[in-house]
Amino acid sequence: MTTPRKSQICLEETPYYHCVSRCVRRAFLCGEDPFSGRNYAHRRDWVVERLKQLTAVFAIDICAYAVMHNHTHTLVRVDKPQALAWTHEEVIARWTNLYHPTPPHPTARPPARRRQADSGRARGDLSRYRDLAAQAL
């Protein structure tokens, strides 16, 4: 049985983590696909730009990365003190840079207030960071 990421990550022991994201079904992320003959080298820049975009939103620094033909390796450092130092307004500003929320419908009820702990957890959430990095591709 697999172990969830939240129980594998202990920032008190080390803030550094090696993350791997793979393509499925023999898909090519970058380079030339020998089966179709198509070249996907332009995607490498997409991956690098997405990692830079996410680094600006999360309290996670990229130490090193490698974009291979069907997977990526990313060595990251979670900066927990920086994440905890952000105000709620700064967290909201960072998230709106990533998600570009639309205004609510005039008849919609106002959203329930989130607990302060929830927004603090999202600031340095390695799992959410990796999901968003792979999601854009």
Protein backbone atom coordinates (compact mmCIF):
# COMPACT_ATOMS: atom_id res chain seq x y z
CA MET A 1 0.00 0.00 0.00
CA THR A 2 1.28 3.48 -0.85
CA THR A 3 2.03 6.11 1.76
CA PRO A 4 0.52 9.58 1.33
CA ARG A 5 2.98 12.41 0.69
CA LYS A 6 1.90 14.31 3.79
CA SER A 7 3.20 11.46 5.96
CA GLN A 8 6.45 11.11 3.97
CA ILE A 9 7.46 14.78 4.19
CA CYS A 10 8.97 16.06 7.42
CA LEU A 11 10.23 19.62 7.10
CA GLU A 12 11.87 19.43 10.52
CA GLU A 13 14.24 16.71 9.23
CA THR A 14 15.01 18.26 5.84
CA PRO A 15 13.50 20.97 3.64
CA TYR A 16 15.02 19.42 0.46
CA TYR A 17 13.06 16.98 -1.72
CA HIS A 18 13.54 15.26 -5.07
CA CYS A 19 10.32 15.20 -7.12
CA VAL A 20 9.75 13.15 -10.27
CA SER A 21 6.86 13.56 -12.69
CA ARG A 22 6.42 11.04 -15.51
CA CYS A 23 4.35 10.98 -18.69
CA VAL A 24 1.92 8.13 -19.25
CA ARG A 25 1.12 5.90 -22.25
CA ARG A 26 4.56 6.30 -23.84
CA ALA A 27 3.85 10.00 -24.38
CA PHE A 28 6.73 12.32 -25.14
CA LEU A 29 7.20 15.44 -23.08
CA CYS A 30 10.21 16.79 -24.97
CA GLY A 31 12.42 15.83 -27.88
CA GLU A 32 11.59 13.79 -30.95
CA ASP A 33 9.05 11.01 -30.69
CA PRO A 34 10.41 7.99 -32.62
CA PHE A 35 6.91 6.57 -33.14
CA SER A 36 5.25 9.63 -34.69
CA GLY A 37 8.36 11.50 -35.83
CA ARG A 38 7.05 14.71 -34.25
CA ASN A 39 9.38 17.01 -32.36
CA TYR A 40 8.21 18.27 -28.96
CA ALA A 41 11.34 20.22 -28.00
CA HIS A 42 9.31 23.44 -27.62
CA ARG A 43 7.60 21.95 -24.55
CA ARG A 44 10.81 22.13 -22.53
CA ASP A 45 10.40 25.91 -22.30
CA TRP A 46 6.78 25.42 -21.16
CA VAL A 47 7.93 23.23 -18.28
CA VAL A 48 10.65 25.66 -17.20
CA GLU A 49 8.24 28.63 -17.32
CA ARG A 50 5.63 26.72 -15.30
CA LEU A 51 8.20 25.87 -12.61
CA LYS A 52 9.21 29.56 -12.42
CA GLN A 53 5.56 30.61 -12.18
CA LEU A 54 4.88 28.18 -9.32
CA THR A 55 8.05 29.22 -7.48
CA ALA A 56 6.72 32.78 -7.43
CA VAL A 57 3.48 31.58 -5.79
CA PHE A 58 4.72 28.98 -3.28
CA ALA A 59 7.41 29.20 -0.62
CA ILE A 60 9.34 26.57 -2.53
CA ASP A 61 12.70 27.22 -4.21
CA ILE A 62 14.04 25.20 -7.13
CA CYS A 63 17.59 24.01 -6.47
CA ALA A 64 17.94 22.04 -9.72
CA TYR A 65 15.77 20.54 -12.43
CA ALA A 66 16.07 18.27 -15.46
CA VAL A 67 13.47 18.02 -18.20
CA MET A 68 13.87 14.66 -19.93
CA HIS A 69 12.00 13.29 -22.96
CA ASN A 70 9.25 11.63 -20.87
CA HIS A 71 9.72 12.89 -17.30
CA THR A 72 11.04 15.69 -15.12
CA HIS A 73 13.25 15.75 -12.04
CA THR A 74 13.02 18.70 -9.68
CA LEU A 75 15.10 19.25 -6.56
CA VAL A 76 13.24 21.70 -4.33
CA ARG A 77 13.65 23.37 -0.95
CA VAL A 78 10.55 24.18 1.07
CA ASP A 79 11.03 27.51 2.86
CA LYS A 80 8.71 27.08 5.84
CA PRO A 81 9.81 30.25 7.71
CA GLN A 82 9.09 32.34 4.61
CA ALA A 83 5.67 30.71 4.19
CA LEU A 84 4.72 31.41 7.78
CA ALA A 85 5.86 35.04 7.50
CA TRP A 86 3.42 35.84 4.67
CA THR A 87 0.27 37.74 5.55
CA HIS A 88 -3.11 36.46 4.39
CA GLU A 89 -3.29 39.34 1.90
CA GLU A 90 0.04 38.29 0.39
CA VAL A 91 -1.12 34.67 0.10
CA ILE A 92 -4.30 35.81 -1.66
CA ALA A 93 -2.30 38.03 -4.04
CA ARG A 94 0.00 35.12 -4.92
CA TRP A 95 -2.91 32.74 -5.56
CA THR A 96 -4.72 35.25 -7.76
CA ASN A 97 -1.57 35.55 -9.89
CA LEU A 98 -1.87 31.83 -10.54
CA TYR A 99 -5.63 31.29 -10.81
CA HIS A 100 -7.10 34.62 -12.04
CA PRO A 101 -10.43 34.21 -10.23
CA THR A 102 -13.61 35.44 -11.85
CA PRO A 103 -15.96 37.70 -9.92
CA PRO A 104 -18.85 35.87 -8.25
CA HIS A 105 -22.32 35.96 -9.70
CA PRO A 106 -24.41 38.80 -8.17
CA THR A 107 -26.86 36.34 -6.60
CA ALA A 108 -24.20 34.00 -5.20
CA ARG A 109 -23.82 33.65 -1.45
CA PRO A 110 -20.56 34.92 -0.02
CA PRO A 111 -17.99 32.14 0.45
CA ALA A 112 -17.41 30.73 3.90
CA ARG A 113 -14.30 32.05 5.59
CA ARG A 114 -11.43 29.62 5.54
CA ARG A 115 -9.53 28.93 8.68
CA GLN A 116 -6.18 30.68 8.94
CA ALA A 117 -4.42 27.32 9.22
CA ASP A 118 -5.74 26.28 5.80
CA SER A 119 -4.21 29.25 3.98
CA GLY A 120 -0.93 28.79 5.87
CA ARG A 121 -0.70 25.15 4.89
CA ALA A 122 -1.06 26.03 1.18
CA ARG A 123 1.94 28.38 1.23
CA GLY A 124 4.55 25.63 1.34
CA ASP A 125 2.51 22.61 0.25
CA LEU A 126 4.90 20.44 -1.77
CA SER A 127 2.13 18.08 -2.87
CA ARG A 128 0.01 20.89 -4.29
CA TYR A 129 3.09 22.40 -5.95
CA ARG A 130 3.89 19.15 -7.79
CA ASP A 131 0.27 18.59 -8.82
CA LEU A 132 0.07 22.07 -10.33
CA ALA A 133 3.41 21.67 -12.09
CA ALA A 134 2.22 18.52 -13.86
CA GLN A 135 -1.33 19.74 -14.41
CA ALA A 136 -0.38 22.51 -16.83
CA LEU A 137 1.18 20.06 -19.27
